Amino acid sequence: MARTQIDGDQIQSETIDESEIRNQGVWAEDLNTTSTGHAVVRKVLTSSGLTLSYTGVDAGTGDVVLTVSTGYVATMHRPLDQLVHSIAETSFYEVVRSGSYILKEIWWASSGKTIKIREIDYTYSGAFVTQMVTKQYDSLGNLITGEILTETITRTGVHVDSITSVLS
């Protein structure tokens, strides 16, 4: 994309004067970013949870579009999870059973059961739980990548020997 050159007659704001116009063009450092009512954006930068598309030669320049990621990503969710879940959830709790076995526990945002918060799936060997998979969901009910905890239980008879946890 070619560089757009403008001359002094095309500048409507009074914040750029004749001394700031060089070679019939205005440079990025001439753009006002500090005066209320006259400031413009020089460059757009992004951070976690945002994606950036642009038409300029450099990132964040030209025609810029910022897109917000749906819900939280794992790095944004983890601190909230530690503070909120299992302490102060105002949620609807559901237990899914098969006979006397609990197959899963689900925490929903409301009794309408449209947005999941957390889900735990249980796997059995005989009468004993051998695996628990806890899945964490974002504020829109989407599974959060990196927030699945798989706990595998090893036993000797009826006694638990160990529980191995893997976060993926």
N, C-alpha and C. Protein backbone atom coordinates (compact mmCIF):
# COMPACT_ATOMS: atom_id res chain seq x y z
N MET A 1 0.84 -1.16 0.00
CA MET A 1 0.00 0.00 0.00
C MET A 1 0.89 1.23 0.00
N ALA A 2 0.67 2.15 -0.92
CA ALA A 2 1.49 3.35 -1.04
C ALA A 2 1.21 4.29 0.12
N ARG A 3 2.21 5.07 0.50
CA ARG A 3 2.05 6.04 1.57
C ARG A 3 1.18 7.19 1.07
N THR A 4 0.21 7.57 1.88
CA THR A 4 -0.68 8.68 1.52
C THR A 4 -0.04 9.99 1.95
N GLN A 5 0.10 10.91 1.04
CA GLN A 5 0.66 12.22 1.35
C GLN A 5 -0.46 13.25 1.31
N ILE A 6 -0.51 14.09 2.32
CA ILE A 6 -1.49 15.17 2.32
C ILE A 6 -0.77 16.49 2.47
N ASP A 7 -1.38 17.56 2.01
CA ASP A 7 -0.75 18.87 2.18
C ASP A 7 -1.52 19.68 3.21
N GLY A 8 -1.03 20.85 3.54
CA GLY A 8 -1.59 21.69 4.59
C GLY A 8 -3.04 22.07 4.35
N ASP A 9 -3.47 22.20 3.08
CA ASP A 9 -4.86 22.57 2.80
C ASP A 9 -5.83 21.45 3.18
N GLN A 10 -5.34 20.21 3.26
CA GLN A 10 -6.20 19.08 3.59
C GLN A 10 -6.32 18.83 5.09
N ILE A 11 -5.50 19.49 5.90
CA ILE A 11 -5.52 19.30 7.35
C ILE A 11 -6.56 20.23 7.94
N GLN A 12 -7.55 19.64 8.61
CA GLN A 12 -8.65 20.43 9.17
C GLN A 12 -8.38 20.87 10.60
N SER A 13 -7.65 20.10 11.36
CA SER A 13 -7.39 20.44 12.75
C SER A 13 -6.35 21.55 12.83
N GLU A 14 -6.50 22.42 13.79
CA GLU A 14 -5.53 23.50 13.97
C GLU A 14 -4.34 23.07 14.80
N THR A 15 -4.28 21.78 15.17
CA THR A 15 -3.20 21.33 16.04
C THR A 15 -1.91 21.06 15.28
N ILE A 16 -1.96 20.97 13.97
CA ILE A 16 -0.75 20.79 13.17
C ILE A 16 -0.56 22.08 12.38
N ASP A 17 0.55 22.77 12.63
CA ASP A 17 0.76 24.03 11.90
C ASP A 17 1.76 23.84 10.78
N GLU A 18 1.97 24.88 10.02
CA GLU A 18 2.82 24.84 8.83
C GLU A 18 4.23 24.31 9.13
N SER A 19 4.76 24.63 10.32
CA SER A 19 6.12 24.18 10.65
C SER A 19 6.21 22.68 10.83
N GLU A 20 5.08 22.02 11.05
CA GLU A 20 5.08 20.58 11.26
C GLU A 20 4.92 19.79 9.96
N ILE A 21 4.70 20.49 8.85
CA ILE A 21 4.52 19.81 7.58
C ILE A 21 5.84 19.82 6.84
N ARG A 22 6.35 18.63 6.51
CA ARG A 22 7.65 18.50 5.84
C ARG A 22 7.45 17.89 4.46
N ASN A 23 8.09 18.44 3.49
CA ASN A 23 8.08 17.86 2.15
C ASN A 23 6.67 17.53 1.67
N GLN A 24 5.73 18.40 1.93
CA GLN A 24 4.34 18.20 1.51
C GLN A 24 3.70 16.98 2.14
N GLY A 25 4.19 16.52 3.30
CA GLY A 25 3.62 15.36 3.96
C GLY A 25 3.62 15.51 5.47
N VAL A 26 2.78 14.76 6.14
CA VAL A 26 2.74 14.76 7.59
C VAL A 26 3.28 13.41 8.06
N TRP A 27 4.18 13.43 9.00
CA TRP A 27 4.81 12.21 9.50
C TRP A 27 4.11 11.74 10.77
N ALA A 28 4.27 10.48 11.12
CA ALA A 28 3.60 9.90 12.28
C ALA A 28 3.88 10.68 13.56
N GLU A 29 5.11 11.16 13.72
CA GLU A 29 5.45 11.89 14.95
C GLU A 29 4.75 13.24 15.03
N ASP A 30 4.18 13.70 13.90
CA ASP A 30 3.44 14.96 13.90
C ASP A 30 2.01 14.80 14.40
N LEU A 31 1.52 13.59 14.45
CA LEU A 31 0.13 13.38 14.85
C LEU A 31 -0.05 13.65 16.33
N ASN A 32 -1.07 14.40 16.67
CA ASN A 32 -1.34 14.81 18.03
C ASN A 32 -1.96 13.65 18.80
N THR A 33 -1.31 13.24 19.89
CA THR A 33 -1.84 12.16 20.72
C THR A 33 -2.09 12.63 22.15
N THR A 34 -1.94 13.94 22.41
CA THR A 34 -2.02 14.42 23.79
C THR A 34 -3.07 15.51 24.04
N SER A 35 -3.59 16.17 23.02
CA SER A 35 -4.54 17.27 23.23
C SER A 35 -5.97 16.77 23.18
N THR A 36 -6.70 16.97 24.27
CA THR A 36 -8.09 16.55 24.35
C THR A 36 -8.90 17.15 23.21
N GLY A 37 -9.67 16.32 22.54
CA GLY A 37 -10.51 16.77 21.43
C GLY A 37 -9.80 16.81 20.09
N HIS A 38 -8.48 16.66 20.09
CA HIS A 38 -7.72 16.72 18.83
C HIS A 38 -6.81 15.51 18.65
N ALA A 39 -6.73 14.65 19.66
CA ALA A 39 -5.79 13.52 19.61
C ALA A 39 -6.28 12.46 18.64
N VAL A 40 -5.33 11.78 18.01
CA VAL A 40 -5.62 10.69 17.08
C VAL A 40 -4.83 9.45 17.50
N VAL A 41 -5.20 8.31 16.94
CA VAL A 41 -4.48 7.07 17.20
C VAL A 41 -3.35 6.95 16.19
N ARG A 42 -2.14 6.71 16.67
CA ARG A 42 -1.00 6.49 15.77
C ARG A 42 -0.90 5.03 15.38
N LYS A 43 -1.06 4.13 16.36
CA LYS A 43 -0.87 2.72 16.13
C LYS A 43 -1.67 1.95 17.16
N VAL A 44 -2.27 0.83 16.78
CA VAL A 44 -3.07 0.00 17.68
C VAL A 44 -2.26 -1.24 18.02
N LEU A 45 -2.17 -1.54 19.30
CA LEU A 45 -1.48 -2.74 19.77
C LEU A 45 -2.51 -3.66 20.41
N THR A 46 -2.18 -4.92 20.54
CA THR A 46 -3.12 -5.89 21.10
C THR A 46 -2.50 -6.60 22.29
N SER A 47 -3.35 -7.31 23.04
CA SER A 47 -2.89 -8.09 24.17
C SER A 47 -3.70 -9.38 24.23
N SER A 48 -3.54 -10.13 25.29
CA SER A 48 -4.23 -11.41 25.44
C SER A 48 -5.73 -11.23 25.31
N GLY A 49 -6.37 -12.11 24.53
CA GLY A 49 -7.81 -12.06 24.36
C GLY A 49 -8.26 -11.22 23.18
N LEU A 50 -7.32 -10.58 22.50
CA LEU A 50 -7.65 -9.76 21.33
C LEU A 50 -6.84 -10.23 20.13
N THR A 51 -7.45 -10.19 18.96
CA THR A 51 -6.70 -10.42 17.72
C THR A 51 -6.78 -9.15 16.89
N LEU A 52 -5.79 -8.95 16.08
CA LEU A 52 -5.64 -7.72 15.33
C LEU A 52 -5.46 -8.03 13.86
N SER A 53 -6.25 -7.37 13.01
CA SER A 53 -6.00 -7.46 11.57
C SER A 53 -5.84 -6.02 11.08
N TYR A 54 -5.02 -5.84 10.05
CA TYR A 54 -4.69 -4.48 9.61
C TYR A 54 -4.27 -4.51 8.15
N THR A 55 -4.34 -3.34 7.51
CA THR A 55 -3.96 -3.23 6.11
C THR A 55 -2.63 -2.50 5.93
N GLY A 56 -2.13 -1.88 6.99
CA GLY A 56 -0.88 -1.12 6.90
C GLY A 56 0.33 -2.03 6.82
N VAL A 57 1.47 -1.43 6.51
CA VAL A 57 2.70 -2.19 6.38
C VAL A 57 3.18 -2.69 7.74
N ASP A 58 2.88 -1.98 8.81
CA ASP A 58 3.25 -2.40 10.16
C ASP A 58 2.01 -2.85 10.92
N ALA A 59 2.20 -3.77 11.87
CA ALA A 59 1.08 -4.23 12.70
C ALA A 59 0.41 -3.05 13.39
N GLY A 60 -0.92 -3.02 13.33
CA GLY A 60 -1.67 -1.97 14.01
C GLY A 60 -1.80 -0.68 13.24
N THR A 61 -1.44 -0.68 11.95
CA THR A 61 -1.54 0.53 11.14
C THR A 61 -2.48 0.30 9.97
N GLY A 62 -2.85 1.36 9.30
CA GLY A 62 -3.80 1.25 8.19
C GLY A 62 -5.20 1.08 8.73
N ASP A 63 -6.03 0.35 8.01
CA ASP A 63 -7.37 0.03 8.51
C ASP A 63 -7.21 -1.11 9.52
N VAL A 64 -7.61 -0.87 10.77
CA VAL A 64 -7.36 -1.81 11.86
C VAL A 64 -8.68 -2.35 12.38
N VAL A 65 -8.72 -3.67 12.59
CA VAL A 65 -9.89 -4.32 13.18
C VAL A 65 -9.42 -5.11 14.39
N LEU A 66 -10.02 -4.84 15.56
CA LEU A 66 -9.75 -5.60 16.78
C LEU A 66 -10.90 -6.57 16.99
N THR A 67 -10.57 -7.83 17.28
CA THR A 67 -11.59 -8.83 17.54
C THR A 67 -11.37 -9.39 18.93
N VAL A 68 -12.41 -9.40 19.74
CA VAL A 68 -12.33 -9.93 21.09
C VAL A 68 -12.56 -11.43 21.04
N SER A 69 -11.68 -12.19 21.70
CA SER A 69 -11.86 -13.63 21.78
C SER A 69 -13.15 -13.93 22.51
N THR A 70 -13.81 -15.05 22.16
CA THR A 70 -15.02 -15.41 22.87
C THR A 70 -14.65 -15.92 24.25
N GLY A 71 -15.28 -15.35 25.25
CA GLY A 71 -15.05 -15.79 26.62
C GLY A 71 -13.62 -15.56 27.06
N TYR A 72 -13.20 -16.31 28.04
CA TYR A 72 -11.87 -16.20 28.61
C TYR A 72 -10.94 -17.24 28.02
N VAL A 73 -9.66 -16.91 27.97
CA VAL A 73 -8.65 -17.92 27.65
C VAL A 73 -8.11 -18.44 28.98
N ALA A 74 -7.43 -19.54 28.96
CA ALA A 74 -7.00 -20.19 30.20
C ALA A 74 -6.22 -19.26 31.11
N THR A 75 -5.30 -18.46 30.56
CA THR A 75 -4.48 -17.59 31.40
C THR A 75 -5.30 -16.50 32.08
N MET A 76 -6.42 -16.08 31.48
CA MET A 76 -7.28 -15.08 32.08
C MET A 76 -8.21 -15.74 33.10
N HIS A 77 -8.56 -17.00 32.85
CA HIS A 77 -9.55 -17.66 33.69
C HIS A 77 -8.97 -18.20 34.99
N ARG A 78 -7.76 -18.68 34.97
CA ARG A 78 -7.18 -19.36 36.14
C ARG A 78 -7.26 -18.52 37.42
N PRO A 79 -6.87 -17.24 37.44
CA PRO A 79 -6.98 -16.48 38.69
C PRO A 79 -8.43 -16.37 39.17
N LEU A 80 -9.37 -16.20 38.25
CA LEU A 80 -10.78 -16.13 38.63
C LEU A 80 -11.25 -17.46 39.19
N ASP A 81 -10.80 -18.55 38.58
CA ASP A 81 -11.21 -19.87 39.03
C ASP A 81 -10.78 -20.10 40.47
N GLN A 82 -9.55 -19.72 40.78
CA GLN A 82 -9.04 -19.95 42.13
C GLN A 82 -9.81 -19.14 43.17
N LEU A 83 -10.30 -17.97 42.80
CA LEU A 83 -10.99 -17.11 43.75
C LEU A 83 -12.47 -17.43 43.88
N VAL A 84 -13.11 -17.83 42.79
CA VAL A 84 -14.56 -17.88 42.76
C VAL A 84 -15.14 -19.27 42.86
N HIS A 85 -14.71 -20.18 42.00
CA HIS A 85 -15.37 -21.48 41.92
C HIS A 85 -15.23 -22.27 43.21
N SER A 86 -16.27 -22.98 43.55
CA SER A 86 -16.39 -23.79 44.76
C SER A 86 -16.44 -22.94 46.03
N ILE A 87 -16.43 -21.62 45.90
CA ILE A 87 -16.53 -20.75 47.07
C ILE A 87 -17.83 -19.97 47.02
N ALA A 88 -18.04 -19.24 45.94
CA ALA A 88 -19.19 -18.33 45.90
C ALA A 88 -20.00 -18.46 44.61
N GLU A 89 -20.05 -19.65 44.05
CA GLU A 89 -20.82 -19.81 42.83
C GLU A 89 -22.32 -19.71 43.10
N THR A 90 -22.98 -18.93 42.30
CA THR A 90 -24.44 -18.92 42.32
C THR A 90 -24.83 -19.63 41.05
N SER A 91 -25.07 -20.91 41.18
CA SER A 91 -25.25 -21.74 40.00
C SER A 91 -26.32 -22.79 40.25
N PHE A 92 -26.64 -23.51 39.19
CA PHE A 92 -27.56 -24.63 39.26
C PHE A 92 -26.71 -25.89 39.17
N TYR A 93 -26.86 -26.78 40.11
CA TYR A 93 -26.04 -27.99 40.19
C TYR A 93 -26.87 -29.20 39.75
N GLU A 94 -26.28 -30.01 38.86
CA GLU A 94 -26.96 -31.19 38.35
C GLU A 94 -26.07 -32.42 38.55
N VAL A 95 -26.68 -33.53 38.94
CA VAL A 95 -25.99 -34.81 39.06
C VAL A 95 -26.62 -35.77 38.06
N VAL A 96 -25.78 -36.37 37.19
CA VAL A 96 -26.26 -37.36 36.22
C VAL A 96 -25.87 -38.73 36.74
N ARG A 97 -26.85 -39.60 36.89
CA ARG A 97 -26.62 -40.93 37.47
C ARG A 97 -26.99 -42.04 36.49
N SER A 98 -26.39 -43.18 36.73
CA SER A 98 -26.80 -44.43 36.09
C SER A 98 -26.91 -45.42 37.24
N GLY A 99 -28.14 -45.70 37.64
CA GLY A 99 -28.32 -46.54 38.82
C GLY A 99 -27.77 -45.82 40.04
N SER A 100 -26.88 -46.49 40.77
CA SER A 100 -26.29 -45.87 41.95
C SER A 100 -24.97 -45.15 41.65
N TYR A 101 -24.56 -45.16 40.38
CA TYR A 101 -23.30 -44.52 40.00
C TYR A 101 -23.52 -43.07 39.55
N ILE A 102 -22.67 -42.18 40.04
CA ILE A 102 -22.67 -40.80 39.55
C ILE A 102 -21.78 -40.77 38.31
N LEU A 103 -22.35 -40.42 37.16
CA LEU A 103 -21.58 -40.35 35.91
C LEU A 103 -20.95 -38.99 35.71
N LYS A 104 -21.67 -37.94 36.13
CA LYS A 104 -21.13 -36.60 35.99
C LYS A 104 -21.83 -35.64 36.92
N GLU A 105 -21.11 -34.59 37.25
CA GLU A 105 -21.66 -33.45 37.98
C GLU A 105 -21.50 -32.25 37.06
N ILE A 106 -22.52 -31.43 36.99
CA ILE A 106 -22.47 -30.26 36.12
C ILE A 106 -22.95 -29.03 36.89
N TRP A 107 -22.18 -27.94 36.80
CA TRP A 107 -22.59 -26.67 37.35
C TRP A 107 -23.00 -25.78 36.18
N TRP A 108 -24.22 -25.29 36.22
CA TRP A 108 -24.77 -24.45 35.15
C TRP A 108 -24.91 -23.01 35.67
N ALA A 109 -24.91 -22.05 34.77
CA ALA A 109 -25.09 -20.65 35.16
C ALA A 109 -26.48 -20.40 35.73
N SER A 110 -27.47 -21.17 35.27
CA SER A 110 -28.84 -21.02 35.77
C SER A 110 -29.59 -22.34 35.60
N SER A 111 -30.80 -22.39 36.14
CA SER A 111 -31.61 -23.60 36.03
C SER A 111 -32.05 -23.88 34.59
N GLY A 112 -31.89 -22.90 33.70
CA GLY A 112 -32.21 -23.12 32.29
C GLY A 112 -31.21 -24.04 31.61
N LYS A 113 -30.06 -24.27 32.24
CA LYS A 113 -29.02 -25.19 31.79
C LYS A 113 -28.57 -24.92 30.34
N THR A 114 -28.30 -23.65 30.03
CA THR A 114 -27.81 -23.31 28.69
C THR A 114 -26.33 -22.98 28.69
N ILE A 115 -25.78 -22.55 29.83
CA ILE A 115 -24.36 -22.19 29.91
C ILE A 115 -23.71 -22.98 31.03
N LYS A 116 -22.77 -23.86 30.65
CA LYS A 116 -22.04 -24.65 31.65
C LYS A 116 -20.95 -23.80 32.28
N ILE A 117 -20.70 -24.08 33.56
CA ILE A 117 -19.58 -23.46 34.27
C ILE A 117 -18.47 -24.49 34.44
N ARG A 118 -18.84 -25.65 34.94
CA ARG A 118 -17.88 -26.72 35.22
C ARG A 118 -18.59 -28.05 35.09
N GLU A 119 -17.81 -29.09 34.71
CA GLU A 119 -18.35 -30.43 34.57
C GLU A 119 -17.30 -31.43 35.03
N ILE A 120 -17.73 -32.43 35.77
CA ILE A 120 -16.83 -33.51 36.18
C ILE A 120 -17.42 -34.82 35.68
N ASP A 121 -16.63 -35.55 34.87
CA ASP A 121 -17.04 -36.87 34.36
C ASP A 121 -16.30 -37.94 35.17
N TYR A 122 -17.03 -38.99 35.52
CA TYR A 122 -16.46 -40.08 36.31
C TYR A 122 -16.42 -41.36 35.49
N THR A 123 -15.29 -42.10 35.62
CA THR A 123 -15.14 -43.40 34.99
C THR A 123 -14.96 -44.43 36.10
N TYR A 124 -15.58 -45.59 35.93
CA TYR A 124 -15.57 -46.62 36.97
C TYR A 124 -14.92 -47.90 36.47
N SER A 125 -14.35 -48.65 37.42
CA SER A 125 -13.95 -50.03 37.22
C SER A 125 -14.64 -50.79 38.34
N GLY A 126 -15.63 -51.56 37.97
CA GLY A 126 -16.46 -52.20 39.00
C GLY A 126 -17.20 -51.13 39.77
N ALA A 127 -17.06 -51.14 41.08
CA ALA A 127 -17.77 -50.17 41.93
C ALA A 127 -16.92 -48.95 42.26
N PHE A 128 -15.71 -48.87 41.72
CA PHE A 128 -14.79 -47.81 42.13
C PHE A 128 -14.49 -46.82 41.00
N VAL A 129 -14.41 -45.56 41.38
CA VAL A 129 -14.02 -44.51 40.43
C VAL A 129 -12.54 -44.67 40.12
N THR A 130 -12.22 -44.71 38.81
CA THR A 130 -10.81 -44.82 38.39
C THR A 130 -10.30 -43.53 37.75
N GLN A 131 -11.23 -42.69 37.30
CA GLN A 131 -10.81 -41.44 36.67
C GLN A 131 -11.89 -40.38 36.84
N MET A 132 -11.42 -39.14 37.07
CA MET A 132 -12.30 -37.97 37.13
C MET A 132 -11.74 -36.94 36.16
N VAL A 133 -12.57 -36.44 35.27
CA VAL A 133 -12.14 -35.41 34.31
C VAL A 133 -12.97 -34.16 34.57
N THR A 134 -12.28 -33.11 35.04
CA THR A 134 -12.95 -31.84 35.34
C THR A 134 -12.70 -30.89 34.18
N LYS A 135 -13.81 -30.38 33.62
CA LYS A 135 -13.73 -29.45 32.48
C LYS A 135 -14.26 -28.10 32.93
N GLN A 136 -13.51 -27.05 32.60
CA GLN A 136 -13.90 -25.69 32.95
C GLN A 136 -14.38 -24.98 31.71
N TYR A 137 -15.47 -24.21 31.84
CA TYR A 137 -16.07 -23.50 30.71
C TYR A 137 -15.98 -22.00 30.93
N ASP A 138 -15.96 -21.24 29.82
CA ASP A 138 -15.90 -19.78 29.93
C ASP A 138 -17.29 -19.19 30.16
N SER A 139 -17.37 -17.87 30.18
CA SER A 139 -18.63 -17.19 30.49
C SER A 139 -19.70 -17.40 29.43
N LEU A 140 -19.31 -17.92 28.26
CA LEU A 140 -20.28 -18.21 27.20
C LEU A 140 -20.64 -19.69 27.14
N GLY A 141 -20.03 -20.49 28.02
CA GLY A 141 -20.31 -21.91 28.03
C GLY A 141 -19.42 -22.72 27.11
N ASN A 142 -18.33 -22.12 26.63
CA ASN A 142 -17.39 -22.83 25.75
C ASN A 142 -16.28 -23.45 26.59
N LEU A 143 -15.88 -24.67 26.24
CA LEU A 143 -14.80 -25.35 26.94
C LEU A 143 -13.51 -24.54 26.80
N ILE A 144 -12.81 -24.33 27.91
CA ILE A 144 -11.57 -23.55 27.89
C ILE A 144 -10.39 -24.47 27.62
N THR A 145 -9.66 -24.19 26.55
CA THR A 145 -8.46 -24.95 26.23
C THR A 145 -7.45 -24.78 27.34
N GLY A 146 -6.88 -25.88 27.80
CA GLY A 146 -5.87 -25.82 28.86
C GLY A 146 -6.46 -25.91 30.25
N GLU A 147 -7.77 -26.05 30.36
CA GLU A 147 -8.43 -26.11 31.67
C GLU A 147 -9.20 -27.42 31.85
N ILE A 148 -8.59 -28.51 31.42
CA ILE A 148 -9.17 -29.84 31.63
C ILE A 148 -8.23 -30.60 32.58
N LEU A 149 -8.74 -30.96 33.73
CA LEU A 149 -7.95 -31.68 34.73
C LEU A 149 -8.38 -33.14 34.75
N THR A 150 -7.44 -34.02 34.41
CA THR A 150 -7.71 -35.46 34.43
C THR A 150 -6.99 -36.06 35.64
N GLU A 151 -7.78 -36.68 36.52
CA GLU A 151 -7.23 -37.31 37.72
C GLU A 151 -7.44 -38.82 37.61
N THR A 152 -6.33 -39.56 37.63
CA THR A 152 -6.39 -41.02 37.51
C THR A 152 -6.07 -41.64 38.87
N ILE A 153 -6.96 -42.51 39.30
CA ILE A 153 -6.84 -43.12 40.63
C ILE A 153 -6.36 -44.56 40.48
N THR A 154 -5.29 -44.90 41.21
CA THR A 154 -4.84 -46.30 41.25
C THR A 154 -5.15 -46.85 42.64
N ARG A 155 -5.52 -48.11 42.66
CA ARG A 155 -5.96 -48.75 43.91
C ARG A 155 -5.30 -50.11 44.10
N THR A 156 -5.23 -50.49 45.33
CA THR A 156 -4.94 -51.86 45.71
C THR A 156 -6.16 -52.31 46.50
N GLY A 157 -6.94 -53.15 45.89
CA GLY A 157 -8.20 -53.55 46.53
C GLY A 157 -9.11 -52.35 46.64
N VAL A 158 -9.56 -52.05 47.86
CA VAL A 158 -10.45 -50.92 48.07
C VAL A 158 -9.69 -49.64 48.46
N HIS A 159 -8.38 -49.76 48.65
CA HIS A 159 -7.58 -48.63 49.11
C HIS A 159 -6.97 -47.86 47.95
N VAL A 160 -7.00 -46.55 48.04
CA VAL A 160 -6.40 -45.68 47.02
C VAL A 160 -4.91 -45.62 47.26
N ASP A 161 -4.12 -45.96 46.23
CA ASP A 161 -2.66 -45.89 46.30
C ASP A 161 -2.17 -44.50 45.91
N SER A 162 -2.75 -43.99 44.80
CA SER A 162 -2.29 -42.67 44.32
C SER A 162 -3.35 -42.06 43.41
N ILE A 163 -3.25 -40.76 43.28
CA ILE A 163 -4.07 -40.01 42.32
C ILE A 163 -3.10 -39.16 41.52
N THR A 164 -3.08 -39.40 40.22
CA THR A 164 -2.20 -38.65 39.32
C THR A 164 -3.05 -37.62 38.59
N SER A 165 -2.63 -36.36 38.64
CA SER A 165 -3.38 -35.28 37.99
C SER A 165 -2.61 -34.71 36.82
N VAL A 166 -3.32 -34.49 35.70
CA VAL A 166 -2.71 -33.89 34.52
C VAL A 166 -3.64 -32.79 34.03
N LEU A 167 -3.10 -31.58 33.92
CA LEU A 167 -3.87 -30.45 33.39
C LEU A 167 -3.55 -30.32 31.90
N SER A 168 -4.57 -30.31 31.09
CA SER A 168 -4.34 -30.20 29.65
C SER A 168 -5.29 -29.19 29.04
